[in-house]
Amino acid sequence: MLSSSLVLAAAAVLGAQQPAFLHTITPGGARTFVNADLGYGERLFAGLGPERWEQRLGAQLALGSRFTLLASGGLRTSTGVELLANLLPTRSSGFAAVGVGGMLDYTGSAVALGRVAAGFRGPQWEVAGNLRLERSLARTGARRDALDVITSVGVSRRFARPLRVGLEGVGEDLEGIFDPNEAEGGAKLMLGPTLAVAPNAHWQLVVGGGPVLRLSHSMVTGGSSVPRDLITRSGYVIRSSVGYTW
């Protein structure tokens, strides 16, 4: 009985180190990983990625047990740094963190960031959610929301030691479902499957994607600093990430 409990606890810790999602941050853990991403999408919204090809390098660094440092950037992608404070012990089955940072977005504008991340890790299931808060520092005449909120949620299940299958969604300007005057084109959502393969404790491949849906169309049709957010047609995205953990 004791040995079974130790095996389950070890599996939970291992799962905590290798992220099961592409867009949802899962902080905590005592190890560090780096990743290289490649994606392609059409008619995307700004919080999801650039149009066409995206290449991104990223790192998640554990600074002791209390803090996690995130860094990412690429040729056509946003570049940013965030520092998260972990609110729960490293070996807890749940995780919660809050953080701040900054980035240059896809248009080259400076953006202040905030993030809230929370979730649960178990031997088989992992559930995670993020709220990413963006405040543009660009001094332009374009009409934008005072605070952009990008929501991401993921659920993943381990079916065998190297394989996880899940579902992940990313939403932006979801208040547009109820507000016809939302300033950046209305509510937008990506929802699709994820597949993670980890042949050992160090390497992992995550692949996912899905349709990009326009849930509403704002009556405000001009002045956005990101004109593609005003597109009314749905699109799609495919993304892969190769990560190394140590």
Protein backbone atom coordinates (compact mmCIF):
# COMPACT_ATOMS: atom_id res chain seq x y z
CA MET A 1 0.00 0.00 0.00
CA LEU A 2 2.83 2.37 0.93
CA SER A 3 4.76 1.57 -2.24
CA SER A 4 1.66 2.26 -4.37
CA SER A 5 1.24 5.64 -2.70
CA LEU A 6 4.87 6.51 -3.41
CA VAL A 7 4.49 5.57 -7.07
CA LEU A 8 1.40 7.77 -7.42
CA ALA A 9 3.16 10.67 -5.70
CA ALA A 10 6.18 10.30 -8.00
CA ALA A 11 3.91 10.28 -11.05
CA ALA A 12 2.24 13.48 -9.89
CA VAL A 13 5.60 15.21 -9.39
CA LEU A 14 6.82 14.07 -12.82
CA GLY A 15 3.64 15.36 -14.45
CA ALA A 16 4.19 18.70 -12.76
CA GLN A 17 7.53 19.17 -14.49
CA GLN A 18 6.49 18.57 -18.10
CA PRO A 19 3.66 20.89 -19.19
CA ALA A 20 0.69 19.27 -20.88
CA PHE A 21 -0.54 22.46 -22.60
CA LEU A 22 0.53 24.87 -25.32
CA HIS A 23 -1.08 28.13 -24.18
CA THR A 24 -1.72 27.61 -20.44
CA ILE A 25 1.14 28.17 -17.98
CA THR A 26 1.49 25.64 -15.15
CA PRO A 27 4.03 27.11 -12.67
CA GLY A 28 5.55 25.45 -9.63
CA GLY A 29 7.84 22.46 -9.37
CA ALA A 30 11.52 22.38 -8.59
CA ARG A 31 12.86 21.86 -12.10
CA THR A 32 13.41 24.01 -15.19
CA PHE A 33 12.53 23.53 -18.84
CA VAL A 34 13.12 25.18 -22.20
CA ASN A 35 10.98 24.80 -25.29
CA ALA A 36 10.97 25.55 -29.02
CA ASP A 37 7.55 26.11 -30.64
CA LEU A 38 6.43 26.13 -34.25
CA GLY A 39 2.93 27.15 -35.25
CA TYR A 40 0.80 28.13 -38.22
CA GLY A 41 -2.55 29.90 -38.19
CA GLU A 42 -4.92 32.03 -40.22
CA ARG A 43 -7.37 34.68 -39.04
CA LEU A 44 -6.05 34.55 -35.47
CA PHE A 45 -6.72 37.06 -32.72
CA ALA A 46 -3.85 38.99 -31.15
CA GLY A 47 -3.74 37.03 -27.88
CA LEU A 48 -3.26 33.74 -29.74
CA GLY A 49 -0.42 34.52 -32.13
CA PRO A 50 0.68 36.19 -35.35
CA GLU A 51 -0.75 35.37 -38.75
CA ARG A 52 0.82 32.51 -40.71
CA TRP A 53 4.05 31.13 -39.28
CA GLU A 54 5.21 31.55 -35.71
CA GLN A 55 8.56 30.44 -34.25
CA ARG A 56 9.09 30.87 -30.53
CA LEU A 57 11.74 30.02 -27.95
CA GLY A 58 10.77 29.95 -24.29
CA ALA A 59 11.96 29.02 -20.83
CA GLN A 60 10.36 28.43 -17.44
CA LEU A 61 12.92 28.73 -14.65
CA ALA A 62 12.27 27.66 -11.06
CA LEU A 63 13.84 30.20 -8.71
CA GLY A 64 13.81 28.12 -5.55
CA SER A 65 10.36 26.97 -4.47
CA ARG A 66 8.71 30.39 -4.28
CA PHE A 67 9.16 31.97 -7.71
CA THR A 68 8.95 31.03 -11.39
CA LEU A 69 10.51 33.11 -14.18
CA LEU A 70 8.96 32.94 -17.67
CA ALA A 71 10.70 34.24 -20.79
CA SER A 72 9.78 33.87 -24.46
CA GLY A 73 10.44 35.45 -27.81
CA GLY A 74 10.90 34.90 -31.52
CA LEU A 75 11.25 36.51 -34.92
CA ARG A 76 7.55 37.25 -35.51
CA THR A 77 6.15 36.64 -32.06
CA SER A 78 5.78 38.74 -28.94
CA THR A 79 8.78 38.96 -26.60
CA GLY A 80 8.26 39.09 -22.87
CA VAL A 81 9.32 38.26 -19.32
CA GLU A 82 7.13 37.45 -16.32
CA LEU A 83 7.87 36.68 -12.66
CA LEU A 84 5.32 34.52 -10.86
CA ALA A 85 5.04 33.96 -7.10
CA ASN A 86 3.96 30.43 -6.22
CA LEU A 87 1.32 30.46 -3.49
CA LEU A 88 1.28 26.72 -2.69
CA PRO A 89 4.05 24.30 -1.65
CA THR A 90 6.06 22.68 -4.46
CA ARG A 91 4.79 19.16 -3.77
CA SER A 92 1.15 20.15 -3.42
CA SER A 93 -1.30 18.47 -5.80
CA GLY A 94 -2.69 21.91 -6.58
CA PHE A 95 -0.89 25.02 -7.75
CA ALA A 96 -1.64 28.73 -7.66
CA ALA A 97 0.48 31.70 -8.66
CA VAL A 98 0.24 35.41 -9.38
CA GLY A 99 2.73 37.47 -11.32
CA VAL A 100 3.66 40.58 -13.28
CA GLY A 101 5.83 41.31 -16.28
CA GLY A 102 6.07 43.07 -19.60
CA MET A 103 6.32 42.37 -23.30
CA LEU A 104 6.51 43.83 -26.79
CA ASP A 105 3.39 42.62 -28.59
CA TYR A 106 3.05 41.57 -32.24
CA THR A 107 2.80 45.24 -33.30
CA GLY A 108 5.96 46.20 -31.38
CA SER A 109 4.01 48.09 -28.69
CA ALA A 110 4.99 47.88 -25.02
CA VAL A 111 2.48 46.04 -22.84
CA ALA A 112 2.34 45.59 -19.05
CA LEU A 113 1.34 42.08 -18.00
CA GLY A 114 -0.33 40.43 -15.05
CA ARG A 115 -1.19 36.76 -14.66
CA VAL A 116 -3.17 34.52 -12.34
CA ALA A 117 -2.62 30.77 -12.73
CA ALA A 118 -4.27 27.92 -10.83
CA GLY A 119 -4.94 24.24 -11.26
CA PHE A 120 -4.64 20.66 -10.05
CA ARG A 121 -2.16 17.89 -10.86
CA GLY A 122 -2.80 14.22 -10.18
CA PRO A 123 -1.35 10.89 -11.30
CA GLN A 124 -3.73 10.83 -14.29
CA TRP A 125 -5.55 14.17 -14.56
CA GLU A 126 -4.26 17.72 -14.85
CA VAL A 127 -6.51 20.78 -14.96
CA ALA A 128 -5.18 24.34 -15.34
CA GLY A 129 -6.44 27.84 -15.99
CA ASN A 130 -4.82 31.24 -16.61
CA LEU A 131 -6.04 34.81 -16.64
CA ARG A 132 -3.55 37.00 -18.52
CA LEU A 133 -4.10 40.72 -18.10
CA GLU A 134 -2.64 43.12 -20.67
CA ARG A 135 -2.43 46.90 -20.45
CA SER A 136 -1.10 48.57 -23.59
CA LEU A 137 1.38 51.38 -22.98
CA ALA A 138 1.25 52.59 -26.60
CA ARG A 139 0.35 56.25 -26.98
CA THR A 140 -1.88 56.09 -30.03
CA GLY A 141 -5.30 57.34 -30.94
CA ALA A 142 -6.60 53.82 -31.50
CA ARG A 143 -9.51 52.74 -29.39
CA ARG A 144 -8.64 49.78 -27.19
CA ASP A 145 -10.04 48.12 -24.11
CA ALA A 146 -8.60 49.63 -20.94
CA LEU A 147 -7.53 46.12 -19.90
CA ASP A 148 -7.36 43.12 -22.23
CA VAL A 149 -8.14 39.79 -20.56
CA ILE A 150 -6.99 36.57 -22.24
CA THR A 151 -8.40 33.42 -20.66
CA SER A 152 -6.98 29.93 -21.17
CA VAL A 153 -8.20 26.63 -19.72
CA GLY A 154 -6.86 23.12 -20.25
CA VAL A 155 -7.63 19.59 -19.08
CA SER A 156 -5.36 16.62 -19.77
CA ARG A 157 -5.44 12.89 -18.94
CA ARG A 158 -2.55 10.43 -18.88
CA PHE A 159 -3.45 7.24 -20.77
CA ALA A 160 -0.04 5.56 -20.65
CA ARG A 161 3.33 6.53 -19.23
CA PRO A 162 4.49 8.51 -22.31
CA LEU A 163 1.08 9.73 -23.56
CA ARG A 164 -1.35 12.45 -22.47
CA VAL A 165 -4.49 13.58 -24.32
CA GLY A 166 -6.35 16.76 -23.50
CA LEU A 167 -8.44 19.74 -24.54
CA GLU A 168 -7.40 23.39 -24.38
CA GLY A 169 -9.20 26.65 -25.02
CA VAL A 170 -8.07 30.28 -25.32
CA GLY A 171 -10.51 33.20 -25.22
CA GLU A 172 -10.12 36.95 -25.71
CA ASP A 173 -12.59 39.81 -25.27
CA LEU A 174 -15.23 37.36 -24.04
CA GLU A 175 -17.15 40.29 -22.59
CA GLY A 176 -18.12 40.96 -26.22
CA ILE A 177 -20.73 38.19 -25.90
CA PHE A 178 -22.73 40.58 -23.72
CA ASP A 179 -21.39 43.99 -24.79
CA PRO A 180 -22.11 44.99 -28.43
CA ASN A 181 -19.72 47.94 -28.06
CA GLU A 182 -16.66 45.95 -27.01
CA ALA A 183 -13.74 47.96 -28.40
CA GLU A 184 -11.71 45.28 -30.18
CA GLY A 185 -14.01 43.39 -32.48
CA GLY A 186 -16.00 41.12 -30.17
CA ALA A 187 -15.49 37.79 -28.42
CA LYS A 188 -13.00 35.29 -29.85
CA LEU A 189 -12.27 31.67 -28.88
CA MET A 190 -9.90 28.87 -29.89
CA LEU A 191 -10.82 25.37 -28.73
CA GLY A 192 -9.11 22.12 -29.70
CA PRO A 193 -7.32 18.94 -28.65
CA THR A 194 -3.75 18.53 -27.36
CA LEU A 195 -1.51 15.48 -27.51
CA ALA A 196 1.63 15.25 -25.33
CA VAL A 197 4.25 12.52 -25.67
CA ALA A 198 7.08 12.26 -23.12
CA PRO A 199 9.35 9.26 -23.86
CA ASN A 200 11.45 10.02 -20.76
CA ALA A 201 11.72 12.47 -17.86
CA HIS A 202 13.59 15.04 -19.98
CA TRP A 203 12.05 15.28 -23.47
CA GLN A 204 8.47 16.02 -24.47
CA LEU A 205 6.50 16.87 -27.62
CA VAL A 206 3.13 18.64 -27.39
CA VAL A 207 0.95 19.11 -30.48
CA GLY A 208 -2.42 20.84 -30.61
CA GLY A 209 -4.69 23.25 -32.38
CA GLY A 210 -8.23 23.83 -33.45
CA PRO A 211 -10.70 26.27 -34.96
CA VAL A 212 -10.62 29.96 -34.09
CA LEU A 213 -14.23 31.06 -33.59
CA ARG A 214 -15.71 34.57 -33.66
CA LEU A 215 -18.44 34.34 -31.02
CA SER A 216 -19.72 37.88 -31.50
CA HIS A 217 -19.08 40.91 -33.70
CA SER A 218 -18.71 44.30 -32.07
CA MET A 219 -20.46 47.31 -33.57
CA VAL A 220 -17.12 49.11 -33.13
CA THR A 221 -15.50 48.31 -36.48
CA GLY A 222 -12.56 50.70 -36.64
CA GLY A 223 -9.70 52.20 -34.72
CA SER A 224 -8.25 48.99 -33.30
CA SER A 225 -4.47 48.93 -33.16
CA VAL A 226 -4.66 45.26 -34.21
CA PRO A 227 -6.93 45.33 -37.31
CA ARG A 228 -7.07 41.54 -37.64
CA ASP A 229 -9.01 41.42 -34.36
CA LEU A 230 -11.87 42.93 -36.37
CA ILE A 231 -12.03 39.99 -38.80
CA THR A 232 -15.46 38.34 -38.69
CA ARG A 233 -14.57 35.00 -40.33
CA SER A 234 -13.39 32.04 -38.27
CA GLY A 235 -9.87 30.66 -38.67
CA TYR A 236 -7.64 27.90 -37.34
CA VAL A 237 -4.29 27.28 -35.67
CA ILE A 238 -1.87 24.34 -35.37
CA ARG A 239 1.05 24.46 -32.94
CA SER A 240 3.79 22.14 -31.73
CA SER A 241 6.29 22.45 -28.89
CA VAL A 242 9.42 20.46 -28.15
CA GLY A 243 10.60 20.81 -24.56
CA TYR A 244 13.57 19.68 -22.49
CA THR A 245 13.34 19.46 -18.70
CA TRP A 246 16.16 19.16 -16.18
